[in-house]
Protein backbone atom coordinates (compact mmCIF):
# COMPACT_ATOMS: atom_id res chain seq x y z
CA MET A 1 -12.79 14.27 -47.81
CA ASN A 2 -14.74 13.67 -45.13
CA PRO A 3 -12.61 11.73 -43.02
CA PHE A 4 -15.81 10.31 -41.02
CA SER A 5 -17.94 9.40 -44.18
CA LEU A 6 -18.30 5.22 -44.69
CA GLU A 7 -18.83 5.97 -48.75
CA GLY A 8 -16.71 3.55 -50.40
CA ARG A 9 -16.71 0.41 -47.36
CA SER A 10 -18.60 -2.72 -46.84
CA VAL A 11 -19.55 -3.76 -43.08
CA LEU A 12 -20.55 -7.22 -41.91
CA VAL A 13 -22.51 -6.12 -38.46
CA THR A 14 -23.36 -9.68 -36.67
CA GLY A 15 -26.56 -9.27 -34.74
CA SER A 16 -28.02 -6.97 -36.52
CA SER A 17 -31.75 -7.82 -36.93
CA GLN A 18 -32.82 -5.89 -33.76
CA GLY A 19 -31.78 -4.05 -30.77
CA ILE A 20 -28.28 -2.17 -30.78
CA GLY A 21 -27.10 -4.23 -34.26
CA ALA A 22 -30.02 -3.24 -35.73
CA ALA A 23 -28.93 0.87 -34.96
CA ILE A 24 -25.97 -0.10 -35.62
CA ALA A 25 -26.14 -1.42 -39.17
CA HIS A 26 -28.49 1.29 -39.93
CA GLY A 27 -25.88 4.34 -39.04
CA LEU A 28 -23.51 2.78 -40.63
CA GLY A 29 -25.15 2.88 -44.08
CA GLN A 30 -26.27 6.30 -43.55
CA CYS A 31 -22.78 6.87 -43.21
CA GLY A 32 -22.08 5.41 -46.47
CA ALA A 33 -20.84 2.14 -46.14
CA ARG A 34 -22.40 -1.13 -47.78
CA VAL A 35 -23.86 -3.09 -44.67
CA LEU A 36 -24.08 -6.67 -44.75
CA ARG A 37 -26.66 -7.31 -41.53
CA HIS A 38 -26.74 -11.15 -40.00
CA GLY A 39 -29.07 -12.77 -37.29
CA LEU A 40 -30.43 -16.10 -36.32
CA GLN A 41 -33.91 -15.56 -38.24
CA ALA A 42 -34.65 -16.06 -41.99
CA MET A 43 -34.95 -12.44 -43.38
CA ALA A 44 -35.75 -12.22 -47.31
CA GLU A 45 -33.03 -9.31 -47.72
CA ALA A 46 -30.49 -9.24 -50.30
CA ASP A 47 -27.90 -7.90 -47.90
CA TYR A 48 -28.96 -10.29 -45.02
CA LEU A 49 -27.35 -13.68 -43.88
CA GLN A 50 -28.17 -15.76 -41.69
CA ALA A 51 -26.50 -18.29 -38.83
CA ASP A 52 -26.28 -19.34 -35.64
CA LEU A 53 -22.63 -18.81 -34.08
CA LEU A 54 -23.16 -20.97 -31.01
CA PRO A 55 -21.90 -24.03 -33.00
CA GLU A 56 -17.82 -24.73 -33.83
CA GLY A 57 -17.38 -23.79 -37.15
CA SER A 58 -19.99 -21.08 -37.69
CA ALA A 59 -18.17 -17.98 -37.14
CA PRO A 60 -15.43 -18.82 -39.76
CA ALA A 61 -18.42 -19.93 -42.03
CA LEU A 62 -20.34 -16.64 -41.53
CA ILE A 63 -17.16 -14.70 -42.72
CA ASP A 64 -17.13 -16.83 -45.80
CA ALA A 65 -20.18 -16.40 -46.41
CA ALA A 66 -19.71 -12.49 -46.02
CA PHE A 67 -16.76 -12.33 -48.19
CA ALA A 68 -18.72 -14.49 -51.09
CA ARG A 69 -21.15 -11.47 -51.20
CA VAL A 70 -18.96 -8.75 -51.15
CA ALA A 71 -15.04 -9.52 -51.62
CA SER A 72 -13.60 -6.39 -50.31
CA LEU A 73 -15.53 -6.40 -47.27
CA ASP A 74 -12.99 -4.29 -44.59
CA THR A 75 -14.94 -3.75 -41.48
CA LEU A 76 -16.65 -5.83 -39.02
CA VAL A 77 -18.69 -5.13 -36.03
CA CYS A 78 -18.84 -8.17 -33.57
CA ASN A 79 -22.20 -7.35 -31.74
CA ALA A 80 -23.97 -10.54 -31.34
CA GLY A 81 -24.63 -11.81 -27.79
CA SER A 82 -27.16 -12.85 -25.52
CA PHE A 83 -27.86 -13.44 -21.57
CA PHE A 84 -28.03 -16.91 -20.83
CA ASP A 85 -27.27 -16.49 -16.60
CA ALA A 86 -29.30 -18.32 -13.81
CA PRO A 87 -28.66 -16.92 -10.07
CA PHE A 88 -24.67 -18.28 -9.51
CA LEU A 89 -25.74 -21.49 -6.99
CA GLU A 90 -28.39 -22.64 -9.95
CA LEU A 91 -26.03 -21.60 -12.97
CA SER A 92 -25.43 -24.69 -15.06
CA ALA A 93 -22.51 -25.84 -16.75
CA ALA A 94 -24.66 -25.87 -19.86
CA GLN A 95 -25.67 -22.05 -19.29
CA TRP A 96 -22.12 -20.98 -18.81
CA GLU A 97 -20.93 -22.99 -22.09
CA LYS A 98 -23.61 -21.59 -24.04
CA THR A 99 -22.75 -17.72 -22.80
CA GLN A 100 -19.04 -18.04 -23.58
CA ALA A 101 -20.01 -19.65 -26.97
CA LEU A 102 -21.60 -17.18 -28.15
CA ASN A 103 -20.27 -14.05 -26.24
CA LEU A 104 -16.45 -14.69 -26.16
CA ARG A 105 -15.82 -17.44 -28.81
CA ALA A 106 -17.80 -16.27 -31.63
CA PRO A 107 -16.39 -12.61 -31.68
CA LEU A 108 -12.61 -14.29 -31.14
CA PHE A 109 -13.10 -16.92 -34.39
CA LEU A 110 -15.22 -13.83 -36.27
CA THR A 111 -12.23 -11.81 -36.11
CA GLN A 112 -9.67 -14.71 -36.48
CA ALA A 113 -11.27 -15.52 -40.02
CA PHE A 114 -11.52 -11.99 -41.04
CA ALA A 115 -8.49 -11.03 -40.57
CA ARG A 116 -7.45 -13.78 -42.55
CA ARG A 117 -8.94 -12.73 -45.28
CA ARG A 118 -7.72 -8.97 -44.95
CA ILE A 119 -4.37 -10.13 -44.88
CA ALA A 120 -4.49 -12.04 -48.11
CA LEU A 121 -5.99 -9.30 -49.14
CA GLY A 122 -2.88 -7.04 -48.10
CA GLY A 123 -4.03 -6.16 -45.04
CA GLY A 124 -5.94 -3.28 -43.06
CA GLY A 125 -8.96 -2.99 -42.27
CA SER A 126 -11.05 -2.49 -38.94
CA VAL A 127 -12.90 -4.63 -36.20
CA VAL A 128 -15.09 -3.19 -33.49
CA ILE A 129 -16.18 -5.53 -30.69
CA VAL A 130 -19.37 -4.62 -28.61
CA ALA A 131 -18.80 -5.62 -24.95
CA SER A 132 -20.54 -4.00 -22.07
CA THR A 133 -20.31 -1.95 -18.76
CA ASN A 134 -20.57 -5.59 -17.52
CA GLY A 135 -17.23 -5.93 -18.44
CA PHE A 136 -15.81 -3.64 -15.70
CA GLN A 137 -18.78 -3.67 -12.76
CA ALA A 138 -20.51 -6.90 -11.99
CA GLU A 139 -23.97 -7.48 -11.80
CA ALA A 140 -26.32 -9.85 -9.57
CA ASP A 141 -26.75 -12.83 -11.08
CA SER A 142 -24.55 -12.58 -14.04
CA VAL A 143 -21.67 -14.48 -13.24
CA ALA A 144 -21.79 -15.76 -16.79
CA TYR A 145 -22.44 -12.73 -18.60
CA ASP A 146 -20.29 -10.79 -16.86
CA SER A 147 -17.22 -13.23 -17.29
CA SER A 148 -17.77 -13.26 -20.91
CA LYS A 149 -17.96 -9.18 -21.46
CA GLY A 150 -14.71 -9.22 -18.94
CA GLY A 151 -13.19 -11.45 -21.55
CA LEU A 152 -13.82 -8.92 -24.34
CA VAL A 153 -12.38 -6.06 -23.04
CA MET A 154 -9.29 -8.11 -22.84
CA MET A 155 -9.88 -9.56 -26.36
CA ILE A 156 -10.19 -6.08 -27.63
CA ARG A 157 -6.99 -5.07 -26.21
CA SER A 158 -5.01 -8.22 -27.03
CA LEU A 159 -6.31 -8.47 -30.65
CA ALA A 160 -5.01 -5.00 -30.98
CA VAL A 161 -1.88 -6.14 -30.13
CA SER A 162 -1.82 -9.26 -32.57
CA LEU A 163 -3.33 -7.43 -35.46
CA ALA A 164 -1.63 -3.93 -35.69
CA PRO A 165 1.43 -5.35 -37.84
CA HIS A 166 -1.14 -6.20 -40.46
CA GLY A 167 -2.77 -2.56 -40.16
CA ILE A 168 -5.58 -4.31 -38.66
CA ARG A 169 -7.23 -1.48 -36.18
CA VAL A 170 -9.52 -3.46 -33.42
CA ASN A 171 -11.32 -1.27 -30.60
CA GLY A 172 -14.72 -1.59 -29.09
CA ILE A 173 -17.78 0.15 -27.42
CA ALA A 174 -19.21 -1.07 -23.72
CA PRO A 175 -22.71 0.08 -23.52
CA GLY A 176 -24.89 0.28 -20.62
CA LEU A 177 -28.36 0.23 -19.89
CA ILE A 178 -29.65 0.18 -22.74
CA ARG A 179 -33.29 -0.10 -24.14
CA THR A 180 -33.77 -3.13 -26.33
CA PRO A 181 -35.95 -6.51 -26.75
CA LEU A 182 -33.55 -8.01 -24.19
CA THR A 183 -33.96 -5.57 -21.72
CA ALA A 184 -37.43 -4.18 -22.46
CA THR A 185 -39.22 -6.87 -20.64
CA TRP A 186 -37.72 -6.59 -17.13
CA MET A 187 -37.70 -2.43 -17.64
CA GLU A 188 -41.63 -2.72 -18.28
CA SER A 189 -42.25 -5.01 -15.06
CA ARG A 190 -39.83 -3.01 -12.90
CA ALA A 191 -40.32 0.24 -14.10
CA ASP A 192 -41.26 2.51 -10.74
CA ASP A 193 -38.71 0.66 -8.66
CA LEU A 194 -35.54 -0.83 -10.36
CA LEU A 195 -36.01 1.50 -13.69
CA ARG A 196 -36.40 4.66 -11.53
CA HIS A 197 -33.69 3.63 -9.42
CA TYR A 198 -30.91 3.30 -12.48
CA GLU A 199 -32.48 6.14 -13.89
CA LYS A 200 -30.86 8.27 -10.68
CA LYS A 201 -27.62 6.50 -11.21
CA ILE A 202 -27.19 7.48 -15.09
CA LEU A 203 -26.13 11.28 -14.96
CA LEU A 204 -27.83 12.01 -17.93
CA GLY A 205 -31.07 11.05 -16.79
CA ARG A 206 -32.53 8.53 -19.00
CA VAL A 207 -31.67 4.84 -20.40
CA GLY A 208 -30.02 4.82 -23.49
CA LYS A 209 -31.77 3.89 -26.89
CA PRO A 210 -29.73 1.56 -29.48
CA GLU A 211 -29.12 4.57 -31.87
CA ASP A 212 -26.70 6.10 -29.07
CA CYS A 213 -24.08 3.48 -29.96
CA ALA A 214 -24.15 4.14 -33.37
CA GLY A 215 -22.59 7.12 -33.60
CA ALA A 216 -19.37 5.48 -32.21
CA VAL A 217 -19.05 2.25 -33.89
CA ALA A 218 -19.33 4.63 -37.16
CA PHE A 219 -16.54 6.99 -35.53
CA LEU A 220 -14.18 4.07 -35.11
CA CYS A 221 -14.67 2.51 -38.48
CA SER A 222 -14.00 5.54 -40.22
CA VAL A 223 -10.68 7.25 -41.55
CA ALA A 224 -11.17 9.77 -38.33
CA ALA A 225 -10.29 7.42 -35.56
CA SER A 226 -7.21 5.80 -38.09
CA TYR A 227 -4.83 6.35 -34.90
CA LEU A 228 -6.90 4.32 -32.24
CA THR A 229 -6.26 0.52 -31.53
CA GLY A 230 -7.31 -1.24 -28.50
CA GLU A 231 -9.70 1.54 -27.02
CA ILE A 232 -12.94 0.72 -25.86
CA ILE A 233 -15.92 3.84 -25.73
CA THR A 234 -18.19 3.61 -22.95
CA ILE A 235 -21.75 4.40 -23.93
CA ASP A 236 -23.70 4.90 -20.31
CA GLY A 237 -25.02 8.06 -20.25
CA GLY A 238 -22.16 8.37 -17.17
CA MET A 239 -23.39 5.93 -15.16
CA THR A 240 -20.14 4.22 -14.35
CA THR A 241 -18.76 7.70 -13.67
CA CYS A 242 -20.11 8.72 -10.54
CA GLN A 243 -20.81 6.16 -7.55
CA ILE A 244 -23.94 7.65 -6.15
CA GLY A 245 -25.51 8.85 -9.25
CA GLN A 246 -28.00 12.07 -8.93
CA PRO A 247 -30.30 12.72 -5.86
């Protein structure tokens, strides 16, 4: 058996209508998994689930819908998240709460609902949570986002401890600067200064693509990673490895 194959596996990838989530969903499908995709907008696809993860109770409801679609669902990828920050002195309570609700609370209760279902089936399974290099290094005017991603870093480790007795592995990835619909706007407007600065800081000399995240997630979901839990793979082209970057 190919330990990197996902044949026979079934996965829910949240926030997979575009960007990193869409690339992860596509990559897992290429590895043989049946993939349930999720997004905020309605889409006419058989294995697509629409849900707003901001309201309380929406996370378990999405898990219920996923298991209703695939009763043997064994893998969860928590990718849905966004950026709602303002400069710190202008940050509102509403912006803070919205950030934590989507980026931190939703993955927690998605994982809880998924784990309860898996335990009822006898245990086992895998969870991958998409954090960020912002969970390790702060960024200007990003207090709410940085805090939520820092919380995810510790959540991955804490959930790994809590769910190991049930045979459920919990790992994560921490993407760096990836070109997505969320980041493309400022990249296009700052291509001559800020983007060039980042490209010099990134050891591999380029901004990441969503597809750069898919392989690591596929590995973490596979049998090849069966002895890994509580781990976070940084996917940033070496950006956080070197203080200065390239000359």
